[in-house]
Amino acid sequence: MNARLTPGPDFRRFIIENTSIQSPPHVPEIRLYLADEAHGLWHRTEEELQSSGLEPPFWAFAWAGGQGLARHVLGNPDCVRGKNVLDFATGSGLVAIAAHMSGAASILAADIDPFSADAAALNAELNGFTLEHTAENLVAQDRGWDVVLAGDVFYDQAMAVVLLPWFEELVSRGTQILIGDPGRAYLPKDRLEKLSEHQVPVTRALEDQDVRKTVVWKFVLRTRKLNKHIALSIQQSDVKLLGGTRS
């Protein structure tokens, strides 16, 4: 590729020419521009975009974490209905679209991948609405979101180290954080509460299997568990004091 791709018409044309309109198997009510043959597009895009310093096309696939999270939102619309929602690391916009269908009051889709804005916009248009998107890195920011949706974000240690303190700060303020995860190695299970489980059909070229178990988790503060132990210790102390008084 001799010409350099630029956001806007170039990106949109590339997306439309290298994908087809499909419905992810776990959320068939949603339509997306997705890669027909994942492995082929992946390598082609890496080669073509290498000179531009752009990332592989994460936006072109409905990842298991995102599909599971989108299914959970569609099946439990009260988790977003009437609320201000951030879809973090939105990629194709799949989870944001599920939030829109479930009645979210406002949705901000965020992803630093330069292709994501156009991919998510095209996918939102397929599903009948306009989606607000930002390429800004929102980590460590708090814009008053009621709910943060995060599909498949704990894929490496560096990402986990960055996300954990941010998620803790948001939750301490009252934000509900829902995470869709297909069993990534750096998932902080000691800070999670299981909400639902899904068997998600996936592309073998990406996941090395045909179906991937995906769990939707709610992020919780570790102090909640510590508080239970503290409360139990206080109760036991009270019992001992009462027992001593009676004797």
C-alpha atoms as a PDB file:
ATOM      1  CA  MET A   1       0.000   0.000   0.000  1.00  0.00           C
ATOM      2  CA  ASN A   2       1.610   3.230  -1.124  1.00  0.00           C
ATOM      3  CA  ALA A   3      -0.898   5.791   0.200  1.00  0.00           C
ATOM      4  CA  ARG A   4      -1.109   6.433   3.914  1.00  0.00           C
ATOM      5  CA  LEU A   5      -4.504   5.732   5.456  1.00  0.00           C
ATOM      6  CA  THR A   6      -6.072   8.627   7.325  1.00  0.00           C
ATOM      7  CA  PRO A   7      -9.065   8.690   9.686  1.00  0.00           C
ATOM      8  CA  GLY A   8     -12.439   9.412   8.102  1.00  0.00           C
ATOM      9  CA  PRO A   9     -13.210   8.419   4.490  1.00  0.00           C
ATOM     10  CA  ASP A  10     -10.045   6.310   4.078  1.00  0.00           C
ATOM     11  CA  PHE A  11     -10.682   4.289   7.227  1.00  0.00           C
ATOM     12  CA  ARG A  12     -14.368   3.879   6.432  1.00  0.00           C
ATOM     13  CA  ARG A  13     -13.623   2.674   2.920  1.00  0.00           C
ATOM     14  CA  PHE A  14     -11.025   0.206   4.198  1.00  0.00           C
ATOM     15  CA  ILE A  15     -13.472  -1.159   6.795  1.00  0.00           C
ATOM     16  CA  ILE A  16     -16.318  -1.585   4.301  1.00  0.00           C
ATOM     17  CA  GLU A  17     -14.081  -3.167   1.642  1.00  0.00           C
ATOM     18  CA  ASN A  18     -12.457  -5.664   4.028  1.00  0.00           C
ATOM     19  CA  THR A  19     -15.485  -6.795   6.035  1.00  0.00           C
ATOM     20  CA  SER A  20     -19.052  -7.874   5.525  1.00  0.00           C
ATOM     21  CA  ILE A  21     -22.211  -7.155   7.503  1.00  0.00           C
ATOM     22  CA  GLN A  22     -22.734 -10.019   9.956  1.00  0.00           C
ATOM     23  CA  SER A  23     -24.389 -10.794  13.280  1.00  0.00           C
ATOM     24  CA  PRO A  24     -22.164 -12.155  16.075  1.00  0.00           C
ATOM     25  CA  PRO A  25     -23.441 -15.634  16.997  1.00  0.00           C
ATOM     26  CA  HIS A  26     -24.031 -14.840  20.688  1.00  0.00           C
ATOM     27  CA  VAL A  27     -25.843 -11.564  19.979  1.00  0.00           C
ATOM     28  CA  PRO A  28     -27.671 -12.162  16.674  1.00  0.00           C
ATOM     29  CA  GLU A  29     -29.888  -9.092  17.126  1.00  0.00           C
ATOM     30  CA  ILE A  30     -26.857  -6.851  16.513  1.00  0.00           C
ATOM     31  CA  ARG A  31     -25.282  -6.262  13.094  1.00  0.00           C
ATOM     32  CA  LEU A  32     -21.626  -5.367  12.640  1.00  0.00           C
ATOM     33  CA  TYR A  33     -19.002  -4.970   9.943  1.00  0.00           C
ATOM     34  CA  LEU A  34     -16.863  -8.035  10.700  1.00  0.00           C
ATOM     35  CA  ALA A  35     -13.998  -9.830   9.012  1.00  0.00           C
ATOM     36  CA  ASP A  36     -15.023 -12.789   6.869  1.00  0.00           C
ATOM     37  CA  GLU A  37     -11.779 -14.688   7.365  1.00  0.00           C
ATOM     38  CA  ALA A  38     -10.119 -13.441  10.500  1.00  0.00           C
ATOM     39  CA  HIS A  39      -6.639 -14.787   9.895  1.00  0.00           C
ATOM     40  CA  GLY A  40      -6.383 -13.396   6.359  1.00  0.00           C
ATOM     41  CA  LEU A  41      -7.510  -9.880   7.263  1.00  0.00           C
ATOM     42  CA  TRP A  42      -5.287  -9.862  10.338  1.00  0.00           C
ATOM     43  CA  HIS A  43      -2.083 -10.461   8.356  1.00  0.00           C
ATOM     44  CA  ARG A  44      -3.110  -8.305   5.437  1.00  0.00           C
ATOM     45  CA  THR A  45      -3.828  -5.380   7.720  1.00  0.00           C
ATOM     46  CA  GLU A  46      -0.612  -5.777   9.690  1.00  0.00           C
ATOM     47  CA  GLU A  47       1.348  -5.647   6.443  1.00  0.00           C
ATOM     48  CA  GLU A  48      -0.568  -2.728   4.984  1.00  0.00           C
ATOM     49  CA  LEU A  49      -0.631  -0.618   8.139  1.00  0.00           C
ATOM     50  CA  GLN A  50       2.884  -1.298   9.399  1.00  0.00           C
ATOM     51  CA  SER A  51       4.298   1.809   7.761  1.00  0.00           C
ATOM     52  CA  SER A  52       1.593   3.911   9.430  1.00  0.00           C
ATOM     53  CA  GLY A  53       2.333   2.519  12.870  1.00  0.00           C
ATOM     54  CA  LEU A  54      -1.250   1.298  13.325  1.00  0.00           C
ATOM     55  CA  GLU A  55      -2.426  -1.660  15.376  1.00  0.00           C
ATOM     56  CA  PRO A  56      -3.878  -4.973  14.110  1.00  0.00           C
ATOM     57  CA  PRO A  57      -7.644  -4.789  13.420  1.00  0.00           C
ATOM     58  CA  PHE A  58      -9.135  -5.568  16.827  1.00  0.00           C
ATOM     59  CA  TRP A  59     -12.204  -3.632  15.647  1.00  0.00           C
ATOM     60  CA  ALA A  60     -12.964  -6.258  12.961  1.00  0.00           C
ATOM     61  CA  PHE A  61     -13.835  -9.120  15.317  1.00  0.00           C
ATOM     62  CA  ALA A  62     -16.541  -9.792  17.879  1.00  0.00           C
ATOM     63  CA  TRP A  63     -14.332 -11.035  20.717  1.00  0.00           C
ATOM     64  CA  ALA A  64     -15.685 -13.508  23.244  1.00  0.00           C
ATOM     65  CA  GLY A  65     -15.452 -11.060  26.155  1.00  0.00           C
ATOM     66  CA  GLY A  66     -17.429  -8.450  24.265  1.00  0.00           C
ATOM     67  CA  GLN A  67     -20.060 -10.898  23.047  1.00  0.00           C
ATOM     68  CA  GLY A  68     -20.614 -12.270  26.544  1.00  0.00           C
ATOM     69  CA  LEU A  69     -20.859  -8.793  28.045  1.00  0.00           C
ATOM     70  CA  ALA A  70     -23.216  -7.592  25.312  1.00  0.00           C
ATOM     71  CA  ARG A  71     -25.446 -10.640  25.881  1.00  0.00           C
ATOM     72  CA  HIS A  72     -25.513  -9.931  29.612  1.00  0.00           C
ATOM     73  CA  VAL A  73     -26.505  -6.301  29.036  1.00  0.00           C
ATOM     74  CA  LEU A  74     -29.253  -7.252  26.588  1.00  0.00           C
ATOM     75  CA  GLY A  75     -30.556  -9.877  29.002  1.00  0.00           C
ATOM     76  CA  ASN A  76     -30.352  -7.554  32.015  1.00  0.00           C
ATOM     77  CA  PRO A  77     -31.259  -4.124  30.623  1.00  0.00           C
ATOM     78  CA  ASP A  78     -31.781  -2.599  34.072  1.00  0.00           C
ATOM     79  CA  CYS A  79     -28.010  -2.585  34.550  1.00  0.00           C
ATOM     80  CA  VAL A  80     -27.766   0.311  32.053  1.00  0.00           C
ATOM     81  CA  ARG A  81     -31.304   1.604  31.524  1.00  0.00           C
ATOM     82  CA  GLY A  82     -31.509   5.346  32.177  1.00  0.00           C
ATOM     83  CA  LYS A  83     -27.821   5.502  33.139  1.00  0.00           C
ATOM     84  CA  ASN A  84     -24.708   7.253  31.841  1.00  0.00           C
ATOM     85  CA  VAL A  85     -22.484   4.553  30.414  1.00  0.00           C
ATOM     86  CA  LEU A  86     -18.855   4.310  29.326  1.00  0.00           C
ATOM     87  CA  ASP A  87     -17.912   1.439  27.028  1.00  0.00           C
ATOM     88  CA  PHE A  88     -14.170   1.245  27.641  1.00  0.00           C
ATOM     89  CA  ALA A  89     -11.940  -0.261  24.908  1.00  0.00           C
ATOM     90  CA  THR A  90     -15.011  -0.416  22.687  1.00  0.00           C
ATOM     91  CA  GLY A  91     -13.334  -1.759  19.535  1.00  0.00           C
ATOM     92  CA  SER A  92     -16.207  -2.406  17.120  1.00  0.00           C
ATOM     93  CA  GLY A  93     -18.727  -0.732  19.430  1.00  0.00           C
ATOM     94  CA  LEU A  94     -20.544  -4.016  20.085  1.00  0.00           C
ATOM     95  CA  VAL A  95     -21.092  -3.525  23.821  1.00  0.00           C
ATOM     96  CA  ALA A  96     -22.025   0.136  23.366  1.00  0.00           C
ATOM     97  CA  ILE A  97     -24.673  -0.924  20.845  1.00  0.00           C
ATOM     98  CA  ALA A  98     -26.070  -3.424  23.363  1.00  0.00           C
ATOM     99  CA  ALA A  99     -26.223  -0.620  25.956  1.00  0.00           C
ATOM    100  CA  HIS A 100     -28.126   1.582  23.509  1.00  0.00           C
ATOM    101  CA  MET A 101     -30.606  -1.210  22.781  1.00  0.00           C
ATOM    102  CA  SER A 102     -31.074  -1.666  26.526  1.00  0.00           C
ATOM    103  CA  GLY A 103     -32.054   1.951  27.130  1.00  0.00           C
ATOM    104  CA  ALA A 104     -28.911   3.679  28.414  1.00  0.00           C
ATOM    105  CA  ALA A 105     -29.453   7.424  28.850  1.00  0.00           C
ATOM    106  CA  SER A 106     -26.060   8.257  27.323  1.00  0.00           C
ATOM    107  CA  ILE A 107     -23.165   6.208  26.009  1.00  0.00           C
ATOM    108  CA  LEU A 108     -19.556   7.169  25.425  1.00  0.00           C
ATOM    109  CA  ALA A 109     -17.540   4.597  23.478  1.00  0.00           C
ATOM    110  CA  ALA A 110     -13.798   4.956  24.078  1.00  0.00           C
ATOM    111  CA  ASP A 111     -10.846   3.368  22.305  1.00  0.00           C
ATOM    112  CA  ILE A 112      -7.401   4.692  21.417  1.00  0.00           C
ATOM    113  CA  ASP A 113      -7.252   2.514  18.263  1.00  0.00           C
ATOM    114  CA  PRO A 114      -7.570   5.030  15.398  1.00  0.00           C
ATOM    115  CA  PHE A 115      -9.799   2.647  13.417  1.00  0.00           C
ATOM    116  CA  SER A 116     -12.258   2.207  16.267  1.00  0.00           C
ATOM    117  CA  ALA A 117     -14.040   5.549  15.838  1.00  0.00           C
ATOM    118  CA  ASP A 118     -15.027   4.805  12.255  1.00  0.00           C
ATOM    119  CA  ALA A 119     -15.745   1.117  12.865  1.00  0.00           C
ATOM    120  CA  ALA A 120     -17.986   1.894  15.842  1.00  0.00           C
ATOM    121  CA  ALA A 121     -19.720   4.713  13.946  1.00  0.00           C
ATOM    122  CA  LEU A 122     -20.452   2.455  10.973  1.00  0.00           C
ATOM    123  CA  ASN A 123     -21.716  -0.307  13.259  1.00  0.00           C
ATOM    124  CA  ALA A 124     -23.940   2.083  15.194  1.00  0.00           C
ATOM    125  CA  GLU A 125     -25.415   3.297  11.911  1.00  0.00           C
ATOM    126  CA  LEU A 126     -26.185  -0.311  10.971  1.00  0.00           C
ATOM    127  CA  ASN A 127     -28.181  -0.544  14.193  1.00  0.00           C
ATOM    128  CA  GLY A 128     -30.043   2.710  13.723  1.00  0.00           C
ATOM    129  CA  PHE A 129     -28.345   5.318  15.892  1.00  0.00           C
ATOM    130  CA  THR A 130     -25.377   7.667  16.223  1.00  0.00           C
ATOM    131  CA  LEU A 131     -22.704   6.750  18.765  1.00  0.00           C
ATOM    132  CA  GLU A 132     -20.480   9.207  20.618  1.00  0.00           C
ATOM    133  CA  HIS A 133     -16.854   8.046  20.484  1.00  0.00           C
ATOM    134  CA  THR A 134     -13.569   9.327  21.868  1.00  0.00           C
ATOM    135  CA  ALA A 135     -10.002   8.277  21.066  1.00  0.00           C
ATOM    136  CA  GLU A 136      -8.807   9.904  24.287  1.00  0.00           C
ATOM    137  CA  ASN A 137      -7.166   7.684  26.885  1.00  0.00           C
ATOM    138  CA  LEU A 138      -9.684   7.908  29.722  1.00  0.00           C
ATOM    139  CA  VAL A 139      -7.714   5.896  32.287  1.00  0.00           C
ATOM    140  CA  ALA A 140      -7.597   7.786  35.601  1.00  0.00           C
ATOM    141  CA  GLN A 141     -10.468  10.040  34.544  1.00  0.00           C
ATOM    142  CA  ASP A 142     -13.909  10.195  36.161  1.00  0.00           C
ATOM    143  CA  ARG A 143     -16.675  11.917  34.247  1.00  0.00           C
ATOM    144  CA  GLY A 144     -19.466  10.773  36.509  1.00  0.00           C
ATOM    145  CA  TRP A 145     -20.344   7.550  34.699  1.00  0.00           C
ATOM    146  CA  ASP A 146     -22.939   5.381  36.394  1.00  0.00           C
ATOM    147  CA  VAL A 147     -21.711   2.254  34.619  1.00  0.00           C
ATOM    148  CA  VAL A 148     -18.446   1.274  32.949  1.00  0.00           C
ATOM    149  CA  LEU A 149     -18.550  -1.685  30.560  1.00  0.00           C
ATOM    150  CA  ALA A 150     -15.234  -3.382  29.750  1.00  0.00           C
ATOM    151  CA  GLY A 151     -14.996  -6.367  27.421  1.00  0.00           C
ATOM    152  CA  ASP A 152     -11.799  -8.448  27.464  1.00  0.00           C
ATOM    153  CA  VAL A 153      -9.458  -5.832  28.956  1.00  0.00           C
ATOM    154  CA  PHE A 154      -7.230  -7.981  31.213  1.00  0.00           C
ATOM    155  CA  TYR A 155      -5.217  -9.541  28.401  1.00  0.00           C
ATOM    156  CA  ASP A 156      -1.769  -8.522  29.693  1.00  0.00           C
ATOM    157  CA  GLN A 157      -0.089  -7.520  32.931  1.00  0.00           C
ATOM    158  CA  ALA A 158       0.655  -3.939  31.908  1.00  0.00           C
ATOM    159  CA  MET A 159      -3.009  -3.299  31.182  1.00  0.00           C
ATOM    160  CA  ALA A 160      -4.085  -4.852  34.485  1.00  0.00           C
ATOM    161  CA  VAL A 161      -1.636  -2.708  36.462  1.00  0.00           C
ATOM    162  CA  VAL A 162      -3.080   0.436  34.872  1.00  0.00           C
ATOM    163  CA  LEU A 163      -6.736  -0.516  35.182  1.00  0.00           C
ATOM    164  CA  LEU A 164      -6.943  -1.785  38.766  1.00  0.00           C
ATOM    165  CA  PRO A 165      -6.366   1.519  40.627  1.00  0.00           C
ATOM    166  CA  TRP A 166      -8.664   3.349  38.200  1.00  0.00           C
ATOM    167  CA  PHE A 167     -11.458   0.808  38.612  1.00  0.00           C
ATOM    168  CA  GLU A 168     -11.049   0.917  42.384  1.00  0.00           C
ATOM    169  CA  GLU A 169     -11.371   4.695  42.398  1.00  0.00           C
ATOM    170  CA  LEU A 170     -14.490   4.620  40.209  1.00  0.00           C
ATOM    171  CA  VAL A 171     -16.166   1.929  42.285  1.00  0.00           C
ATOM    172  CA  SER A 172     -15.373   3.754  45.527  1.00  0.00           C
ATOM    173  CA  ARG A 173     -17.290   6.730  44.105  1.00  0.00           C
ATOM    174  CA  GLY A 174     -20.274   4.545  43.188  1.00  0.00           C
ATOM    175  CA  THR A 175     -19.709   3.507  39.584  1.00  0.00           C
ATOM    176  CA  GLN A 176     -20.728  -0.028  38.659  1.00  0.00           C
ATOM    177  CA  ILE A 177     -18.099  -1.766  36.524  1.00  0.00           C
ATOM    178  CA  LEU A 178     -19.052  -4.843  34.485  1.00  0.00           C
ATOM    179  CA  ILE A 179     -16.312  -6.914  32.854  1.00  0.00           C
ATOM    180  CA  GLY A 180     -16.674  -9.573  30.182  1.00  0.00           C
ATOM    181  CA  ASP A 181     -13.731 -11.961  30.279  1.00  0.00           C
ATOM    182  CA  PRO A 182     -12.961 -15.285  28.519  1.00  0.00           C
ATOM    183  CA  GLY A 183     -10.399 -16.447  31.074  1.00  0.00           C
ATOM    184  CA  ARG A 184      -7.486 -14.104  30.513  1.00  0.00           C
ATOM    185  CA  ALA A 185      -4.442 -14.660  32.708  1.00  0.00           C
ATOM    186  CA  TYR A 186      -4.424 -11.279  34.452  1.00  0.00           C
ATOM    187  CA  LEU A 187      -8.071 -11.156  35.484  1.00  0.00           C
ATOM    188  CA  PRO A 188      -8.156  -9.992  39.167  1.00  0.00           C
ATOM    189  CA  LYS A 189     -10.585 -12.617  40.450  1.00  0.00           C
ATOM    190  CA  ASP A 190     -10.125 -11.562  44.077  1.00  0.00           C
ATOM    191  CA  ARG A 191     -11.891  -8.292  43.204  1.00  0.00           C
ATOM    192  CA  LEU A 192     -14.758  -9.717  41.188  1.00  0.00           C
ATOM    193  CA  GLU A 193     -18.284 -10.974  41.748  1.00  0.00           C
ATOM    194  CA  LYS A 194     -19.652 -13.386  39.143  1.00  0.00           C
ATOM    195  CA  LEU A 195     -22.864 -12.289  37.420  1.00  0.00           C
ATOM    196  CA  SER A 196     -23.347 -14.615  34.445  1.00  0.00           C
ATOM    197  CA  GLU A 197     -21.614 -17.241  32.307  1.00  0.00           C
ATOM    198  CA  HIS A 198     -21.786 -17.680  28.539  1.00  0.00           C
ATOM    199  CA  GLN A 199     -20.601 -20.223  25.980  1.00  0.00           C
ATOM    200  CA  VAL A 200     -19.559 -17.999  23.096  1.00  0.00           C
ATOM    201  CA  PRO A 201     -18.822 -19.298  19.572  1.00  0.00           C
ATOM    202  CA  VAL A 202     -15.508 -17.828  18.413  1.00  0.00           C
ATOM    203  CA  THR A 203     -13.134 -17.886  15.463  1.00  0.00           C
ATOM    204  CA  ARG A 204     -10.538 -20.636  15.792  1.00  0.00           C
ATOM    205  CA  ALA A 205      -7.941 -18.470  14.008  1.00  0.00           C
ATOM    206  CA  LEU A 206      -8.106 -16.038  16.932  1.00  0.00           C
ATOM    207  CA  GLU A 207      -8.864 -18.181  19.981  1.00  0.00           C
ATOM    208  CA  ASP A 208      -7.625 -21.691  19.012  1.00  0.00           C
ATOM    209  CA  GLN A 209     -11.064 -23.141  19.809  1.00  0.00           C
ATOM    210  CA  ASP A 210     -14.628 -23.001  18.525  1.00  0.00           C
ATOM    211  CA  VAL A 211     -16.415 -22.081  21.767  1.00  0.00           C
ATOM    212  CA  ARG A 212     -15.028 -20.033  24.623  1.00  0.00           C
ATOM    213  CA  LYS A 213     -16.490 -19.797  28.112  1.00  0.00           C
ATOM    214  CA  THR A 214     -16.955 -16.153  29.003  1.00  0.00           C
ATOM    215  CA  VAL A 215     -17.912 -14.823  32.420  1.00  0.00           C
ATOM    216  CA  VAL A 216     -19.408 -11.426  33.177  1.00  0.00           C
ATOM    217  CA  TRP A 217     -18.076 -10.048  36.444  1.00  0.00           C
ATOM    218  CA  LYS A 218     -18.863  -7.077  38.666  1.00  0.00           C
ATOM    219  CA  PHE A 219     -15.774  -5.298  39.980  1.00  0.00           C
ATOM    220  CA  VAL A 220     -15.841  -4.866  43.756  1.00  0.00           C
ATOM    221  CA  LEU A 221     -13.496  -3.333  46.296  1.00  0.00           C
ATOM    222  CA  ARG A 222     -11.315  -5.733  48.262  1.00  0.00           C
ATOM    223  CA  THR A 223     -12.070  -3.688  51.378  1.00  0.00           C
ATOM    224  CA  ARG A 224     -15.574  -5.106  51.333  1.00  0.00           C
ATOM    225  CA  LYS A 225     -14.179  -8.520  52.136  1.00  0.00           C
ATOM    226  CA  LEU A 226     -11.889  -7.033  54.772  1.00  0.00           C
ATOM    227  CA  ASN A 227     -14.807  -5.180  56.322  1.00  0.00           C
ATOM    228  CA  LYS A 228     -16.683  -8.442  56.785  1.00  0.00           C
ATOM    229  CA  HIS A 229     -13.780  -9.840  58.780  1.00  0.00           C
ATOM    230  CA  ILE A 230     -13.538  -6.637  60.803  1.00  0.00           C
ATOM    231  CA  ALA A 231     -17.275  -6.710  61.520  1.00  0.00           C
ATOM    232  CA  LEU A 232     -17.031 -10.356  62.620  1.00  0.00           C
ATOM    233  CA  SER A 233     -14.122  -9.531  64.951  1.00  0.00           C
ATOM    234  CA  ILE A 234     -16.118  -6.670  66.493  1.00  0.00           C
ATOM    235  CA  GLN A 235     -19.133  -8.923  67.002  1.00  0.00           C
ATOM    236  CA  GLN A 236     -16.959 -11.568  68.671  1.00  0.00           C
ATOM    237  CA  SER A 237     -15.400  -8.908  70.919  1.00  0.00           C
ATOM    238  CA  ASP A 238     -18.858  -7.684  71.901  1.00  0.00           C
ATOM    239  CA  VAL A 239     -19.908 -11.213  72.794  1.00  0.00           C
ATOM    240  CA  LYS A 240     -16.842 -11.654  74.994  1.00  0.00           C
ATOM    241  CA  LEU A 241     -17.513  -8.343  76.731  1.00  0.00           C
ATOM    242  CA  LEU A 242     -21.130  -9.221  77.315  1.00  0.00           C
ATOM    243  CA  GLY A 243     -20.129 -12.630  78.602  1.00  0.00           C
ATOM    244  CA  GLY A 244     -17.644 -11.041  81.009  1.00  0.00           C
ATOM    245  CA  THR A 245     -20.247  -8.616  82.333  1.00  0.00           C
ATOM    246  CA  ARG A 246     -22.767 -11.360  83.008  1.00  0.00           C
ATOM    247  CA  SER A 247     -20.216 -13.375  84.921  1.00  0.00           C
END
